[in-house]
Amino acid sequence: MTEEVNEQIPTNEEVINDITKNLESEFVINTENEDNEDNEDKSKIIQGNSAVKIGERERNSGVPEGFDTDTKPLKPDLLDDYIDEEKLKDLEVTLSEEEKETRLKEALELKKRGNDEFKNEKYLESVITYTEALKLCPLKYDNDRSIFYANRAASKTKLERKQSAIEDCSKALELNDTYVKVYLRRAKLYEETEKLDESLEDYKKILSFDPGNRDALQAQYRLPPLIAERNEKLKTEMLGKLKDLGNMILKPFGLSTDNFQLQQDPNSGGYSVNFAQNSKR
């Protein structure tokens, strides 16, 4: 499914961050460049050595990448869990209906194996197994593929790969938009990654399917105050950056932001700016 990318107008906070970042960077850019070059060189050496060791281990011992000798994960992000759906689509054109059904049966067997691995807390192995199922299962079986993605998301959550788990939940919901269990999983992941607005939207979606869902009902009361608190904090930070920037601009004229008073209109919520000349004594 192709995602449409829309041009977005930057928020006030993004504009301010960009301006202040550019101003501050003039004073530190030289030292940062030197540090980055050193770190980049070290990173290349470390990554190079790591790649050789992992590759040698796989060739010499038969242990797949991402595992050590007692099957614990080295680094979950090394997993190749990308699903090339265009390749699958091209392949399916050449398959008969009987062949597609055979591939589905094999994928379902892989799902059973993945479920057993998950129950036995072999989460990394289960991610690999669910990935194999997704690469094998024909695209026409939306519901089964949705379950594979949902199960893989559960395994990734156990591995603390939260962003990747969110992406798998989203794929599962693209294939089955009434999958309440996955909305709940994604809502919790969104909250854990401080995406509170997205989390609340998922909980609202859950209530549209299951009005009595306890987790979603509790979230309706818990999240709005947290969102308001976060927004107030962001507003305070933004006004602080605006004040710093304003003082920098006004200093050559012998003025500061203290010469200007913000007054909020109680009806519209908008602000007006009044100039107040400091009296000399």
C-alpha atoms as a PDB file:
ATOM      1  CA  MET A   1       0.000   0.000   0.000  1.00  0.00           C
ATOM      2  CA  THR A   2       1.507   3.301  -1.076  1.00  0.00           C
ATOM      3  CA  GLU A   3       1.606   6.044   1.491  1.00  0.00           C
ATOM      4  CA  GLU A   4       0.806   9.575   0.323  1.00  0.00           C
ATOM      5  CA  VAL A   5       3.178  12.230   1.601  1.00  0.00           C
ATOM      6  CA  ASN A   6       1.582  15.628   2.188  1.00  0.00           C
ATOM      7  CA  GLU A   7       3.474  18.858   2.602  1.00  0.00           C
ATOM      8  CA  GLN A   8       2.961  20.157   6.126  1.00  0.00           C
ATOM      9  CA  ILE A   9       3.304  23.669   7.433  1.00  0.00           C
ATOM     10  CA  PRO A  10       5.871  23.645  10.266  1.00  0.00           C
ATOM     11  CA  THR A  11       4.552  24.372  13.751  1.00  0.00           C
ATOM     12  CA  ASN A  12       5.646  27.423  15.749  1.00  0.00           C
ATOM     13  CA  GLU A  13       7.780  25.188  17.932  1.00  0.00           C
ATOM     14  CA  GLU A  14       9.553  23.690  14.906  1.00  0.00           C
ATOM     15  CA  VAL A  15      10.259  27.165  13.472  1.00  0.00           C
ATOM     16  CA  ILE A  16      11.620  28.408  16.790  1.00  0.00           C
ATOM     17  CA  ASN A  17      13.715  25.286  17.307  1.00  0.00           C
ATOM     18  CA  ASP A  18      15.182  25.712  13.832  1.00  0.00           C
ATOM     19  CA  ILE A  19      16.044  29.400  14.378  1.00  0.00           C
ATOM     20  CA  THR A  20      17.582  28.958  17.807  1.00  0.00           C
ATOM     21  CA  LYS A  21      19.437  25.852  16.733  1.00  0.00           C
ATOM     22  CA  ASN A  22      21.090  27.746  13.883  1.00  0.00           C
ATOM     23  CA  LEU A  23      22.070  30.615  16.195  1.00  0.00           C
ATOM     24  CA  GLU A  24      23.520  28.320  18.857  1.00  0.00           C
ATOM     25  CA  SER A  25      25.344  26.145  16.350  1.00  0.00           C
ATOM     26  CA  GLU A  26      27.588  29.044  15.305  1.00  0.00           C
ATOM     27  CA  PHE A  27      29.376  28.801  18.646  1.00  0.00           C
ATOM     28  CA  VAL A  28      29.834  25.011  18.790  1.00  0.00           C
ATOM     29  CA  ILE A  29      29.988  23.792  15.214  1.00  0.00           C
ATOM     30  CA  ASN A  30      33.754  23.466  15.061  1.00  0.00           C
ATOM     31  CA  THR A  31      34.104  21.269  18.137  1.00  0.00           C
ATOM     32  CA  GLU A  32      31.073  19.193  17.124  1.00  0.00           C
ATOM     33  CA  ASN A  33      32.550  18.477  13.712  1.00  0.00           C
ATOM     34  CA  GLU A  34      35.797  17.299  15.262  1.00  0.00           C
ATOM     35  CA  ASP A  35      33.963  15.028  17.700  1.00  0.00           C
ATOM     36  CA  ASN A  36      31.726  13.609  14.973  1.00  0.00           C
ATOM     37  CA  GLU A  37      34.675  12.792  12.753  1.00  0.00           C
ATOM     38  CA  ASP A  38      36.383  10.922  15.599  1.00  0.00           C
ATOM     39  CA  ASN A  39      33.210   9.063  16.504  1.00  0.00           C
ATOM     40  CA  GLU A  40      32.509   8.207  12.879  1.00  0.00           C
ATOM     41  CA  ASP A  41      35.963   6.698  12.452  1.00  0.00           C
ATOM     42  CA  LYS A  42      35.573   4.670  15.649  1.00  0.00           C
ATOM     43  CA  SER A  43      32.106   3.574  14.607  1.00  0.00           C
ATOM     44  CA  LYS A  44      33.381   2.290  11.263  1.00  0.00           C
ATOM     45  CA  ILE A  45      36.078   0.244  12.999  1.00  0.00           C
ATOM     46  CA  ILE A  46      33.610  -1.220  15.516  1.00  0.00           C
ATOM     47  CA  GLN A  47      30.973  -1.980  12.907  1.00  0.00           C
ATOM     48  CA  GLY A  48      33.527  -3.519  10.601  1.00  0.00           C
ATOM     49  CA  ASN A  49      34.864  -5.824  13.296  1.00  0.00           C
ATOM     50  CA  SER A  50      31.351  -6.734  14.411  1.00  0.00           C
ATOM     51  CA  ALA A  51      30.247  -7.585  10.878  1.00  0.00           C
ATOM     52  CA  VAL A  52      33.241  -9.870  10.381  1.00  0.00           C
ATOM     53  CA  LYS A  53      32.656 -11.669  13.679  1.00  0.00           C
ATOM     54  CA  ILE A  54      28.953 -12.207  13.034  1.00  0.00           C
ATOM     55  CA  GLY A  55      29.560 -13.379   9.492  1.00  0.00           C
ATOM     56  CA  GLU A  56      32.292 -15.788  10.598  1.00  0.00           C
ATOM     57  CA  ARG A  57      30.087 -17.161  13.356  1.00  0.00           C
ATOM     58  CA  GLU A  58      27.279 -17.912  10.920  1.00  0.00           C
ATOM     59  CA  ARG A  59      29.587 -19.620   8.414  1.00  0.00           C
ATOM     60  CA  ASN A  60      31.586 -21.592  10.965  1.00  0.00           C
ATOM     61  CA  SER A  61      28.884 -22.679  13.400  1.00  0.00           C
ATOM     62  CA  GLY A  62      25.665 -22.529  11.405  1.00  0.00           C
ATOM     63  CA  VAL A  63      24.136 -20.130  13.958  1.00  0.00           C
ATOM     64  CA  PRO A  64      22.011 -17.466  12.200  1.00  0.00           C
ATOM     65  CA  GLU A  65      22.879 -13.788  12.416  1.00  0.00           C
ATOM     66  CA  GLY A  66      21.520 -12.093  15.534  1.00  0.00           C
ATOM     67  CA  PHE A  67      22.221 -15.074  17.821  1.00  0.00           C
ATOM     68  CA  ASP A  68      25.071 -16.162  20.019  1.00  0.00           C
ATOM     69  CA  THR A  69      25.883 -19.775  20.823  1.00  0.00           C
ATOM     70  CA  ASP A  70      23.148 -20.086  23.483  1.00  0.00           C
ATOM     71  CA  THR A  71      20.511 -18.474  21.200  1.00  0.00           C
ATOM     72  CA  LYS A  72      20.361 -15.120  22.998  1.00  0.00           C
ATOM     73  CA  PRO A  73      20.000 -12.064  20.741  1.00  0.00           C
ATOM     74  CA  LEU A  74      23.119 -10.083  19.914  1.00  0.00           C
ATOM     75  CA  LYS A  75      21.187  -7.185  18.488  1.00  0.00           C
ATOM     76  CA  PRO A  76      17.518  -7.491  17.464  1.00  0.00           C
ATOM     77  CA  ASP A  77      17.859  -4.731  14.851  1.00  0.00           C
ATOM     78  CA  LEU A  78      20.083  -7.071  12.818  1.00  0.00           C
ATOM     79  CA  LEU A  79      16.996  -9.070  11.903  1.00  0.00           C
ATOM     80  CA  ASP A  80      15.970  -8.878   8.269  1.00  0.00           C
ATOM     81  CA  ASP A  81      12.224  -8.596   8.829  1.00  0.00           C
ATOM     82  CA  TYR A  82      11.373  -6.485   5.782  1.00  0.00           C
ATOM     83  CA  ILE A  83       8.534  -7.943   3.714  1.00  0.00           C
ATOM     84  CA  ASP A  84       8.794  -7.156   0.001  1.00  0.00           C
ATOM     85  CA  GLU A  85       5.128  -7.230  -0.983  1.00  0.00           C
ATOM     86  CA  GLU A  86       5.835  -6.187  -4.556  1.00  0.00           C
ATOM     87  CA  LYS A  87       8.025  -9.262  -4.966  1.00  0.00           C
ATOM     88  CA  LEU A  88       5.302 -11.411  -3.438  1.00  0.00           C
ATOM     89  CA  LYS A  89       2.733  -9.914  -5.797  1.00  0.00           C
ATOM     90  CA  ASP A  90       4.881 -10.699  -8.832  1.00  0.00           C
ATOM     91  CA  LEU A  91       5.434 -14.248  -7.594  1.00  0.00           C
ATOM     92  CA  GLU A  92       1.747 -14.910  -7.027  1.00  0.00           C
ATOM     93  CA  VAL A  93       0.972 -14.175 -10.662  1.00  0.00           C
ATOM     94  CA  THR A  94       2.896 -17.324 -11.538  1.00  0.00           C
ATOM     95  CA  LEU A  95       1.219 -19.530  -8.906  1.00  0.00           C
ATOM     96  CA  SER A  96      -1.864 -21.690  -9.298  1.00  0.00           C
ATOM     97  CA  GLU A  97      -4.629 -21.594  -6.677  1.00  0.00           C
ATOM     98  CA  GLU A  98      -3.471 -24.982  -5.440  1.00  0.00           C
ATOM     99  CA  GLU A  99       0.074 -23.691  -4.993  1.00  0.00           C
ATOM    100  CA  LYS A 100      -1.205 -20.661  -3.105  1.00  0.00           C
ATOM    101  CA  GLU A 101      -3.174 -22.889  -0.734  1.00  0.00           C
ATOM    102  CA  THR A 102      -0.081 -25.032  -0.174  1.00  0.00           C
ATOM    103  CA  ARG A 103       1.959 -21.942   0.713  1.00  0.00           C
ATOM    104  CA  LEU A 104      -0.781 -20.838   3.130  1.00  0.00           C
ATOM    105  CA  LYS A 105      -0.713 -24.211   4.899  1.00  0.00           C
ATOM    106  CA  GLU A 106       3.056 -23.993   5.244  1.00  0.00           C
ATOM    107  CA  ALA A 107       2.757 -20.450   6.594  1.00  0.00           C
ATOM    108  CA  LEU A 108       0.186 -21.575   9.163  1.00  0.00           C
ATOM    109  CA  GLU A 109       2.565 -24.294  10.329  1.00  0.00           C
ATOM    110  CA  LEU A 110       5.225 -21.628  10.760  1.00  0.00           C
ATOM    111  CA  LYS A 111       2.757 -19.580  12.799  1.00  0.00           C
ATOM    112  CA  LYS A 112       2.238 -22.549  15.150  1.00  0.00           C
ATOM    113  CA  ARG A 113       5.987 -22.877  15.554  1.00  0.00           C
ATOM    114  CA  GLY A 114       6.289 -19.152  16.213  1.00  0.00           C
ATOM    115  CA  ASN A 115       3.549 -19.350  18.832  1.00  0.00           C
ATOM    116  CA  ASP A 116       5.398 -22.171  20.616  1.00  0.00           C
ATOM    117  CA  GLU A 117       8.621 -20.167  20.532  1.00  0.00           C
ATOM    118  CA  PHE A 118       6.803 -17.165  22.002  1.00  0.00           C
ATOM    119  CA  LYS A 119       5.325 -19.267  24.819  1.00  0.00           C
ATOM    120  CA  ASN A 120       8.810 -20.575  25.591  1.00  0.00           C
ATOM    121  CA  GLU A 121      10.116 -16.974  25.679  1.00  0.00           C
ATOM    122  CA  LYS A 122      12.220 -17.458  22.548  1.00  0.00           C
ATOM    123  CA  TYR A 123      11.117 -14.080  21.252  1.00  0.00           C
ATOM    124  CA  LEU A 124      13.879 -13.481  18.732  1.00  0.00           C
ATOM    125  CA  GLU A 125      13.336 -16.901  17.171  1.00  0.00           C
ATOM    126  CA  SER A 126       9.594 -16.243  16.967  1.00  0.00           C
ATOM    127  CA  VAL A 127      10.186 -12.953  15.127  1.00  0.00           C
ATOM    128  CA  ILE A 128      12.213 -14.842  12.533  1.00  0.00           C
ATOM    129  CA  THR A 129       9.560 -17.557  12.243  1.00  0.00           C
ATOM    130  CA  TYR A 130       6.669 -15.098  11.795  1.00  0.00           C
ATOM    131  CA  THR A 131       8.759 -13.273   9.196  1.00  0.00           C
ATOM    132  CA  GLU A 132       9.196 -16.532   7.274  1.00  0.00           C
ATOM    133  CA  ALA A 133       5.436 -17.037   7.404  1.00  0.00           C
ATOM    134  CA  LEU A 134       4.831 -13.534   6.021  1.00  0.00           C
ATOM    135  CA  LYS A 135       7.307 -14.100   3.197  1.00  0.00           C
ATOM    136  CA  LEU A 136       5.554 -17.352   2.317  1.00  0.00           C
ATOM    137  CA  CYS A 137       1.858 -16.537   2.765  1.00  0.00           C
ATOM    138  CA  PRO A 138       0.106 -15.231  -0.381  1.00  0.00           C
ATOM    139  CA  LEU A 139      -1.160 -11.641  -0.170  1.00  0.00           C
ATOM    140  CA  LYS A 140      -4.750 -12.683  -0.829  1.00  0.00           C
ATOM    141  CA  TYR A 141      -5.076 -14.123   2.671  1.00  0.00           C
ATOM    142  CA  ASP A 142      -5.487 -10.792   4.457  1.00  0.00           C
ATOM    143  CA  ASN A 143      -6.767 -12.141   7.764  1.00  0.00           C
ATOM    144  CA  ASP A 144      -3.949 -14.662   8.172  1.00  0.00           C
ATOM    145  CA  ARG A 145      -1.290 -12.112   7.265  1.00  0.00           C
ATOM    146  CA  SER A 146      -2.827  -9.683   9.751  1.00  0.00           C
ATOM    147  CA  ILE A 147      -2.415 -12.286  12.495  1.00  0.00           C
ATOM    148  CA  PHE A 148       1.211 -12.936  11.495  1.00  0.00           C
ATOM    149  CA  TYR A 149       1.991  -9.219  11.764  1.00  0.00           C
ATOM    150  CA  ALA A 150       0.145  -8.973  15.088  1.00  0.00           C
ATOM    151  CA  ASN A 151       2.046 -11.932  16.539  1.00  0.00           C
ATOM    152  CA  ARG A 152       5.356 -10.553  15.324  1.00  0.00           C
ATOM    153  CA  ALA A 153       4.526  -7.236  16.972  1.00  0.00           C
ATOM    154  CA  ALA A 154       3.985  -9.063  20.267  1.00  0.00           C
ATOM    155  CA  SER A 155       7.405 -10.689  19.985  1.00  0.00           C
ATOM    156  CA  LYS A 156       9.086  -7.393  19.117  1.00  0.00           C
ATOM    157  CA  THR A 157       7.430  -5.775  22.122  1.00  0.00           C
ATOM    158  CA  LYS A 158       9.063  -8.376  24.361  1.00  0.00           C
ATOM    159  CA  LEU A 159      12.404  -7.480  22.737  1.00  0.00           C
ATOM    160  CA  GLU A 160      11.806  -3.759  23.449  1.00  0.00           C
ATOM    161  CA  ARG A 161      11.685  -3.032  19.698  1.00  0.00           C
ATOM    162  CA  LYS A 162       8.731  -0.740  20.287  1.00  0.00           C
ATOM    163  CA  GLN A 163       8.826   1.384  17.138  1.00  0.00           C
ATOM    164  CA  SER A 164       9.110  -1.689  14.927  1.00  0.00           C
ATOM    165  CA  ALA A 165       6.288  -3.325  16.900  1.00  0.00           C
ATOM    166  CA  ILE A 166       4.105  -0.258  16.268  1.00  0.00           C
ATOM    167  CA  GLU A 167       4.800  -0.564  12.541  1.00  0.00           C
ATOM    168  CA  ASP A 168       3.770  -4.234  12.586  1.00  0.00           C
ATOM    169  CA  CYS A 169       0.579  -3.357  14.470  1.00  0.00           C
ATOM    170  CA  SER A 170      -0.204  -0.754  11.816  1.00  0.00           C
ATOM    171  CA  LYS A 171       0.326  -3.329   9.052  1.00  0.00           C
ATOM    172  CA  ALA A 172      -1.966  -5.765  10.860  1.00  0.00           C
ATOM    173  CA  LEU A 173      -4.649  -3.086  11.108  1.00  0.00           C
ATOM    174  CA  GLU A 174      -4.328  -2.196   7.432  1.00  0.00           C
ATOM    175  CA  LEU A 175      -5.284  -5.793   6.687  1.00  0.00           C
ATOM    176  CA  ASN A 176      -7.967  -6.023   9.385  1.00  0.00           C
ATOM    177  CA  ASP A 177      -9.258  -2.701  10.687  1.00  0.00           C
ATOM    178  CA  THR A 178     -11.480  -4.319  13.338  1.00  0.00           C
ATOM    179  CA  TYR A 179      -8.654  -6.141  15.119  1.00  0.00           C
ATOM    180  CA  VAL A 180      -9.358  -4.868  18.661  1.00  0.00           C
ATOM    181  CA  LYS A 181      -6.489  -6.779  20.259  1.00  0.00           C
ATOM    182  CA  VAL A 182      -3.997  -5.023  17.976  1.00  0.00           C
ATOM    183  CA  TYR A 183      -5.507  -1.576  18.584  1.00  0.00           C
ATOM    184  CA  LEU A 184      -4.999  -2.243  22.286  1.00  0.00           C
ATOM    185  CA  ARG A 185      -1.402  -3.364  21.791  1.00  0.00           C
ATOM    186  CA  ARG A 186      -0.588  -0.348  19.631  1.00  0.00           C
ATOM    187  CA  ALA A 187      -2.310   2.030  22.061  1.00  0.00           C
ATOM    188  CA  LYS A 188      -0.099   0.776  24.897  1.00  0.00           C
ATOM    189  CA  LEU A 189       3.016   1.037  22.725  1.00  0.00           C
ATOM    190  CA  TYR A 190       2.101   4.585  21.704  1.00  0.00           C
ATOM    191  CA  GLU A 191       1.713   5.569  25.358  1.00  0.00           C
ATOM    192  CA  GLU A 192       5.027   3.942  26.290  1.00  0.00           C
ATOM    193  CA  THR A 193       6.760   5.912  23.525  1.00  0.00           C
ATOM    194  CA  GLU A 194       5.076   9.179  24.639  1.00  0.00           C
ATOM    195  CA  LYS A 195       2.787   9.410  21.607  1.00  0.00           C
ATOM    196  CA  LEU A 196      -0.158  10.206  23.819  1.00  0.00           C
ATOM    197  CA  ASP A 197      -2.506  11.663  21.190  1.00  0.00           C
ATOM    198  CA  GLU A 198      -2.120   8.582  18.982  1.00  0.00           C
ATOM    199  CA  SER A 199      -2.645   6.339  21.993  1.00  0.00           C
ATOM    200  CA  LEU A 200      -5.884   8.088  22.935  1.00  0.00           C
ATOM    201  CA  GLU A 201      -7.174   7.797  19.360  1.00  0.00           C
ATOM    202  CA  ASP A 202      -6.577   4.032  19.403  1.00  0.00           C
ATOM    203  CA  TYR A 203      -8.375   3.699  22.735  1.00  0.00           C
ATOM    204  CA  LYS A 204     -11.330   5.628  21.301  1.00  0.00           C
ATOM    205  CA  LYS A 205     -11.340   3.259  18.332  1.00  0.00           C
ATOM    206  CA  ILE A 206     -11.420   0.307  20.721  1.00  0.00           C
ATOM    207  CA  LEU A 207     -14.472   1.745  22.471  1.00  0.00           C
ATOM    208  CA  SER A 208     -16.278   2.009  19.139  1.00  0.00           C
ATOM    209  CA  PHE A 209     -15.983  -1.787  18.883  1.00  0.00           C
ATOM    210  CA  ASP A 210     -16.075  -2.666  22.566  1.00  0.00           C
ATOM    211  CA  PRO A 211     -17.773   0.057  24.673  1.00  0.00           C
ATOM    212  CA  GLY A 212     -17.069  -1.817  27.893  1.00  0.00           C
ATOM    213  CA  ASN A 213     -13.334  -2.289  27.382  1.00  0.00           C
ATOM    214  CA  ARG A 214     -11.757  -1.540  30.769  1.00  0.00           C
ATOM    215  CA  ASP A 215      -8.333  -0.453  29.467  1.00  0.00           C
ATOM    216  CA  ALA A 216      -9.866   1.957  26.972  1.00  0.00           C
ATOM    217  CA  LEU A 217     -12.305   3.390  29.521  1.00  0.00           C
ATOM    218  CA  GLN A 218      -9.487   4.035  31.993  1.00  0.00           C
ATOM    219  CA  ALA A 219      -7.361   5.622  29.268  1.00  0.00           C
ATOM    220  CA  GLN A 220     -10.142   8.103  28.483  1.00  0.00           C
ATOM    221  CA  TYR A 221      -9.702   9.547  31.965  1.00  0.00           C
ATOM    222  CA  ARG A 222      -5.951   9.023  32.337  1.00  0.00           C
ATOM    223  CA  LEU A 223      -4.578  10.387  29.052  1.00  0.00           C
ATOM    224  CA  PRO A 224      -6.298  13.801  28.566  1.00  0.00           C
ATOM    225  CA  PRO A 225      -4.673  15.349  31.701  1.00  0.00           C
ATOM    226  CA  LEU A 226      -1.294  13.952  30.626  1.00  0.00           C
ATOM    227  CA  ILE A 227      -1.744  15.426  27.150  1.00  0.00           C
ATOM    228  CA  ALA A 228      -2.736  18.810  28.623  1.00  0.00           C
ATOM    229  CA  GLU A 229       0.285  18.744  30.953  1.00  0.00           C
ATOM    230  CA  ARG A 230       2.606  17.917  28.068  1.00  0.00           C
ATOM    231  CA  ASN A 231       1.135  20.659  25.878  1.00  0.00           C
ATOM    232  CA  GLU A 232       1.518  23.215  28.672  1.00  0.00           C
ATOM    233  CA  LYS A 233       5.146  22.187  29.132  1.00  0.00           C
ATOM    234  CA  LEU A 234       5.775  22.521  25.387  1.00  0.00           C
ATOM    235  CA  LYS A 235       4.124  25.937  25.366  1.00  0.00           C
ATOM    236  CA  THR A 236       6.309  27.092  28.274  1.00  0.00           C
ATOM    237  CA  GLU A 237       9.442  25.842  26.536  1.00  0.00           C
ATOM    238  CA  MET A 238       8.425  27.528  23.295  1.00  0.00           C
ATOM    239  CA  LEU A 239       7.752  30.867  25.004  1.00  0.00           C
ATOM    240  CA  GLY A 240      11.109  30.582  26.772  1.00  0.00           C
ATOM    241  CA  LYS A 241      12.899  30.136  23.458  1.00  0.00           C
ATOM    242  CA  LEU A 242      10.955  33.038  21.978  1.00  0.00           C
ATOM    243  CA  LYS A 243      11.981  35.216  24.910  1.00  0.00           C
ATOM    244  CA  ASP A 244      15.647  34.295  24.513  1.00  0.00           C
ATOM    245  CA  LEU A 245      15.480  35.037  20.805  1.00  0.00           C
ATOM    246  CA  GLY A 246      13.653  38.296  21.406  1.00  0.00           C
ATOM    247  CA  ASN A 247      16.247  39.454  23.943  1.00  0.00           C
ATOM    248  CA  MET A 248      19.012  38.684  21.447  1.00  0.00           C
ATOM    249  CA  ILE A 249      17.322  40.829  18.790  1.00  0.00           C
ATOM    250  CA  LEU A 250      16.298  43.674  21.097  1.00  0.00           C
ATOM    251  CA  LYS A 251      19.598  44.012  22.996  1.00  0.00           C
ATOM    252  CA  PRO A 252      21.277  46.350  20.418  1.00  0.00           C
ATOM    253  CA  PHE A 253      18.345  48.766  20.874  1.00  0.00           C
ATOM    254  CA  GLY A 254      18.634  48.820  24.651  1.00  0.00           C
ATOM    255  CA  LEU A 255      15.417  46.881  25.016  1.00  0.00           C
ATOM    256  CA  SER A 256      14.398  43.438  26.233  1.00  0.00           C
ATOM    257  CA  THR A 257      11.282  41.331  26.240  1.00  0.00           C
ATOM    258  CA  ASP A 258      10.514  42.792  29.673  1.00  0.00           C
ATOM    259  CA  ASN A 259       9.432  45.927  27.771  1.00  0.00           C
ATOM    260  CA  PHE A 260       6.581  43.942  26.219  1.00  0.00           C
ATOM    261  CA  GLN A 261       3.624  42.490  28.019  1.00  0.00           C
ATOM    262  CA  LEU A 262       1.474  39.643  26.704  1.00  0.00           C
ATOM    263  CA  GLN A 263      -2.200  39.812  27.519  1.00  0.00           C
ATOM    264  CA  GLN A 264      -4.551  36.957  26.717  1.00  0.00           C
ATOM    265  CA  ASP A 265      -8.076  37.600  25.490  1.00  0.00           C
ATOM    266  CA  PRO A 266     -10.342  35.459  27.728  1.00  0.00           C
ATOM    267  CA  ASN A 267     -12.866  35.085  24.912  1.00  0.00           C
ATOM    268  CA  SER A 268     -10.711  34.168  21.932  1.00  0.00           C
ATOM    269  CA  GLY A 269      -7.691  32.818  23.777  1.00  0.00           C
ATOM    270  CA  GLY A 270      -5.455  34.956  21.563  1.00  0.00           C
ATOM    271  CA  TYR A 271      -2.672  37.231  22.783  1.00  0.00           C
ATOM    272  CA  SER A 272      -2.018  40.941  22.330  1.00  0.00           C
ATOM    273  CA  VAL A 273       1.360  42.634  22.892  1.00  0.00           C
ATOM    274  CA  ASN A 274       1.655  45.920  24.783  1.00  0.00           C
ATOM    275  CA  PHE A 275       4.836  48.014  24.941  1.00  0.00           C
ATOM    276  CA  ALA A 276       5.884  49.255  28.368  1.00  0.00           C
ATOM    277  CA  GLN A 277       8.872  51.604  28.540  1.00  0.00           C
ATOM    278  CA  ASN A 278      10.841  51.067  31.730  1.00  0.00           C
ATOM    279  CA  SER A 279      10.707  54.214  33.813  1.00  0.00           C
ATOM    280  CA  LYS A 280      14.061  55.768  34.747  1.00  0.00           C
ATOM    281  CA  ARG A 281      14.683  56.801  38.332  1.00  0.00           C
END
